[in-house]
Amino acid sequence: MKTCPYCGKELLDGKLLGERKALKWLPRDKELLFGLWAAGGLTVGERGLTQRAEARAWYCSYCKKLIIDLDAC
């Protein structure tokens, strides 16, 4: 059982799923390249040629926070 680092309550185990492209994290002050690509962004999760992007994630229904451990992706 994982607990929320914010409130200490139990986290729900699940997946963060992408649709067609890989999931990316981009700093707030960085703009999309040509309004389309997250160049220089951090790729979150894995994606194969024929599978959607996926990352293991935990959700706290109390805090409404999603926790992603990049080592578990």
N, C-alpha and C. Protein backbone atom coordinates (compact mmCIF):
# COMPACT_ATOMS: atom_id res chain seq x y z
N MET A 1 0.84 -1.19 0.00
CA MET A 1 0.00 0.00 0.00
C MET A 1 0.88 1.24 0.00
N LYS A 2 0.63 2.13 -0.96
CA LYS A 2 1.33 3.41 -1.00
C LYS A 2 0.45 4.46 -0.36
N THR A 3 1.10 5.40 0.31
CA THR A 3 0.35 6.48 0.93
C THR A 3 0.71 7.81 0.27
N CYS A 4 -0.22 8.72 0.27
CA CYS A 4 -0.06 10.03 -0.33
C CYS A 4 0.99 10.83 0.46
N PRO A 5 1.98 11.39 -0.23
CA PRO A 5 2.99 12.19 0.46
C PRO A 5 2.45 13.53 0.97
N TYR A 6 1.26 13.90 0.55
CA TYR A 6 0.66 15.18 0.96
C TYR A 6 -0.24 15.03 2.18
N CYS A 7 -1.09 13.98 2.18
CA CYS A 7 -2.06 13.85 3.27
C CYS A 7 -1.92 12.55 4.07
N GLY A 8 -1.16 11.58 3.55
CA GLY A 8 -0.96 10.32 4.26
C GLY A 8 -2.03 9.27 4.05
N LYS A 9 -3.04 9.57 3.26
CA LYS A 9 -4.10 8.58 2.99
C LYS A 9 -3.66 7.61 1.89
N GLU A 10 -4.39 6.50 1.76
CA GLU A 10 -4.04 5.48 0.77
C GLU A 10 -4.23 5.97 -0.66
N LEU A 11 -3.26 5.63 -1.53
CA LEU A 11 -3.33 5.99 -2.94
C LEU A 11 -3.93 4.84 -3.74
N LEU A 12 -4.66 5.17 -4.79
CA LEU A 12 -5.19 4.18 -5.72
C LEU A 12 -4.16 3.94 -6.82
N ASP A 13 -3.83 2.69 -7.07
CA ASP A 13 -2.84 2.32 -8.09
C ASP A 13 -3.52 2.28 -9.45
N GLY A 14 -2.85 2.79 -10.47
CA GLY A 14 -3.44 2.78 -11.81
C GLY A 14 -2.44 3.15 -12.88
N LYS A 15 -2.94 3.60 -14.02
CA LYS A 15 -2.11 3.95 -15.18
C LYS A 15 -2.52 5.31 -15.71
N LEU A 16 -1.55 6.06 -16.18
CA LEU A 16 -1.79 7.27 -16.94
C LEU A 16 -1.58 6.88 -18.39
N LEU A 17 -2.62 7.02 -19.20
CA LEU A 17 -2.56 6.56 -20.59
C LEU A 17 -2.60 7.73 -21.57
N GLY A 18 -1.79 7.65 -22.60
CA GLY A 18 -1.82 8.63 -23.67
C GLY A 18 -2.67 8.09 -24.81
N GLU A 19 -2.97 8.92 -25.73
CA GLU A 19 -3.71 8.46 -26.89
C GLU A 19 -2.75 8.10 -28.01
N ARG A 20 -2.43 9.01 -28.90
CA ARG A 20 -1.58 8.65 -30.05
C ARG A 20 -0.11 8.97 -29.84
N LYS A 21 0.21 9.95 -29.05
CA LYS A 21 1.60 10.37 -28.88
C LYS A 21 2.11 9.99 -27.50
N ALA A 22 3.42 10.10 -27.32
CA ALA A 22 4.02 9.86 -26.01
C ALA A 22 3.60 10.96 -25.04
N LEU A 23 3.56 10.64 -23.76
CA LEU A 23 3.27 11.65 -22.75
C LEU A 23 4.53 12.47 -22.51
N LYS A 24 4.38 13.76 -22.38
CA LYS A 24 5.52 14.65 -22.13
C LYS A 24 5.19 15.62 -21.01
N TRP A 25 6.21 15.95 -20.23
CA TRP A 25 6.10 17.01 -19.24
C TRP A 25 6.96 18.16 -19.74
N LEU A 26 6.41 19.35 -19.72
CA LEU A 26 7.10 20.53 -20.22
C LEU A 26 7.05 21.61 -19.15
N PRO A 27 8.19 22.25 -18.83
CA PRO A 27 8.16 23.33 -17.85
C PRO A 27 7.20 24.43 -18.28
N ARG A 28 6.60 25.07 -17.32
CA ARG A 28 5.58 26.10 -17.59
C ARG A 28 6.11 27.22 -18.49
N ASP A 29 7.38 27.58 -18.35
CA ASP A 29 7.92 28.71 -19.11
C ASP A 29 8.40 28.33 -20.51
N LYS A 30 8.28 27.07 -20.89
CA LYS A 30 8.73 26.61 -22.21
C LYS A 30 7.53 26.51 -23.16
N GLU A 31 7.72 26.97 -24.36
CA GLU A 31 6.65 26.94 -25.38
C GLU A 31 6.78 25.70 -26.25
N LEU A 32 5.67 25.29 -26.85
CA LEU A 32 5.70 24.19 -27.82
C LEU A 32 6.42 24.66 -29.08
N LEU A 33 7.19 23.77 -29.68
CA LEU A 33 7.90 24.07 -30.92
C LEU A 33 6.88 24.08 -32.05
N PHE A 34 6.75 25.20 -32.73
CA PHE A 34 5.77 25.39 -33.80
C PHE A 34 4.33 25.13 -33.33
N GLY A 35 4.12 25.25 -32.03
CA GLY A 35 2.80 25.03 -31.46
C GLY A 35 2.36 23.57 -31.44
N LEU A 36 3.29 22.65 -31.75
CA LEU A 36 2.93 21.22 -31.87
C LEU A 36 3.73 20.28 -30.98
N TRP A 37 5.05 20.48 -30.88
CA TRP A 37 5.91 19.50 -30.23
C TRP A 37 6.49 20.02 -28.94
N ALA A 38 6.58 19.13 -27.95
CA ALA A 38 7.18 19.47 -26.66
C ALA A 38 8.67 19.18 -26.74
N ALA A 39 9.38 19.92 -27.57
CA ALA A 39 10.82 19.73 -27.76
C ALA A 39 11.54 20.03 -26.45
N GLY A 40 12.41 19.12 -26.05
CA GLY A 40 13.15 19.30 -24.81
C GLY A 40 12.35 18.92 -23.58
N GLY A 41 11.14 18.44 -23.78
CA GLY A 41 10.31 18.02 -22.65
C GLY A 41 10.77 16.68 -22.10
N LEU A 42 10.25 16.31 -20.96
CA LEU A 42 10.57 15.04 -20.32
C LEU A 42 9.53 14.00 -20.73
N THR A 43 9.98 12.91 -21.35
CA THR A 43 9.07 11.85 -21.73
C THR A 43 8.66 11.08 -20.49
N VAL A 44 7.36 10.89 -20.33
CA VAL A 44 6.81 10.18 -19.17
C VAL A 44 6.18 8.89 -19.67
N GLY A 45 6.64 7.76 -19.17
CA GLY A 45 6.09 6.47 -19.57
C GLY A 45 6.76 5.94 -20.82
N GLU A 46 6.27 4.80 -21.25
CA GLU A 46 6.82 4.14 -22.42
C GLU A 46 5.77 3.99 -23.49
N ARG A 47 6.23 3.91 -24.72
CA ARG A 47 5.31 3.78 -25.85
C ARG A 47 6.00 2.95 -26.92
N GLY A 48 5.30 1.95 -27.44
CA GLY A 48 5.81 1.15 -28.55
C GLY A 48 5.23 1.66 -29.85
N LEU A 49 5.64 1.06 -30.95
CA LEU A 49 5.13 1.50 -32.26
C LEU A 49 3.63 1.32 -32.38
N THR A 50 3.10 0.25 -31.79
CA THR A 50 1.68 -0.02 -31.93
C THR A 50 0.91 0.09 -30.61
N GLN A 51 1.57 0.59 -29.57
CA GLN A 51 0.86 0.71 -28.29
C GLN A 51 0.83 2.17 -27.83
N ARG A 52 -0.16 2.50 -27.04
CA ARG A 52 -0.30 3.86 -26.53
C ARG A 52 0.70 4.11 -25.42
N ALA A 53 1.02 5.38 -25.18
CA ALA A 53 1.92 5.77 -24.10
C ALA A 53 1.26 5.40 -22.77
N GLU A 54 2.07 4.89 -21.83
CA GLU A 54 1.54 4.44 -20.56
C GLU A 54 2.56 4.66 -19.45
N ALA A 55 2.10 5.13 -18.30
CA ALA A 55 2.96 5.30 -17.14
C ALA A 55 2.17 4.89 -15.90
N ARG A 56 2.81 4.13 -15.01
CA ARG A 56 2.14 3.76 -13.75
C ARG A 56 1.98 5.02 -12.92
N ALA A 57 0.82 5.18 -12.32
CA ALA A 57 0.54 6.38 -11.55
C ALA A 57 -0.39 6.03 -10.38
N TRP A 58 -0.29 6.81 -9.33
CA TRP A 58 -1.13 6.63 -8.16
C TRP A 58 -1.95 7.90 -7.97
N TYR A 59 -3.22 7.72 -7.57
CA TYR A 59 -4.15 8.84 -7.44
C TYR A 59 -4.64 8.93 -6.01
N CYS A 60 -4.65 10.14 -5.47
CA CYS A 60 -5.22 10.39 -4.14
C CYS A 60 -6.58 11.04 -4.35
N SER A 61 -7.62 10.31 -4.01
CA SER A 61 -8.97 10.84 -4.20
C SER A 61 -9.30 11.92 -3.17
N TYR A 62 -8.55 11.98 -2.10
CA TYR A 62 -8.77 13.00 -1.07
C TYR A 62 -8.15 14.34 -1.50
N CYS A 63 -6.87 14.32 -1.91
CA CYS A 63 -6.15 15.55 -2.32
C CYS A 63 -6.39 15.91 -3.78
N LYS A 64 -6.88 14.93 -4.56
CA LYS A 64 -7.03 15.12 -6.01
C LYS A 64 -5.68 15.32 -6.69
N LYS A 65 -4.69 14.53 -6.24
CA LYS A 65 -3.34 14.62 -6.82
C LYS A 65 -3.00 13.30 -7.48
N LEU A 66 -2.25 13.40 -8.57
CA LEU A 66 -1.76 12.24 -9.30
C LEU A 66 -0.25 12.18 -9.08
N ILE A 67 0.23 11.03 -8.63
CA ILE A 67 1.65 10.84 -8.33
C ILE A 67 2.22 9.88 -9.38
N ILE A 68 3.31 10.31 -10.02
CA ILE A 68 3.99 9.46 -11.00
C ILE A 68 5.43 9.27 -10.55
N ASP A 69 5.83 8.02 -10.37
CA ASP A 69 7.20 7.71 -10.02
C ASP A 69 7.90 7.35 -11.34
N LEU A 70 8.76 8.23 -11.81
CA LEU A 70 9.37 8.01 -13.13
C LEU A 70 10.22 6.76 -13.17
N ASP A 71 10.72 6.27 -12.02
CA ASP A 71 11.47 5.02 -12.00
C ASP A 71 10.56 3.82 -12.22
N ALA A 72 9.26 3.98 -11.99
CA ALA A 72 8.31 2.87 -12.16
C ALA A 72 7.64 2.88 -13.52
N CYS A 73 8.04 3.77 -14.40
CA CYS A 73 7.43 3.87 -15.73
C CYS A 73 7.92 2.79 -16.65
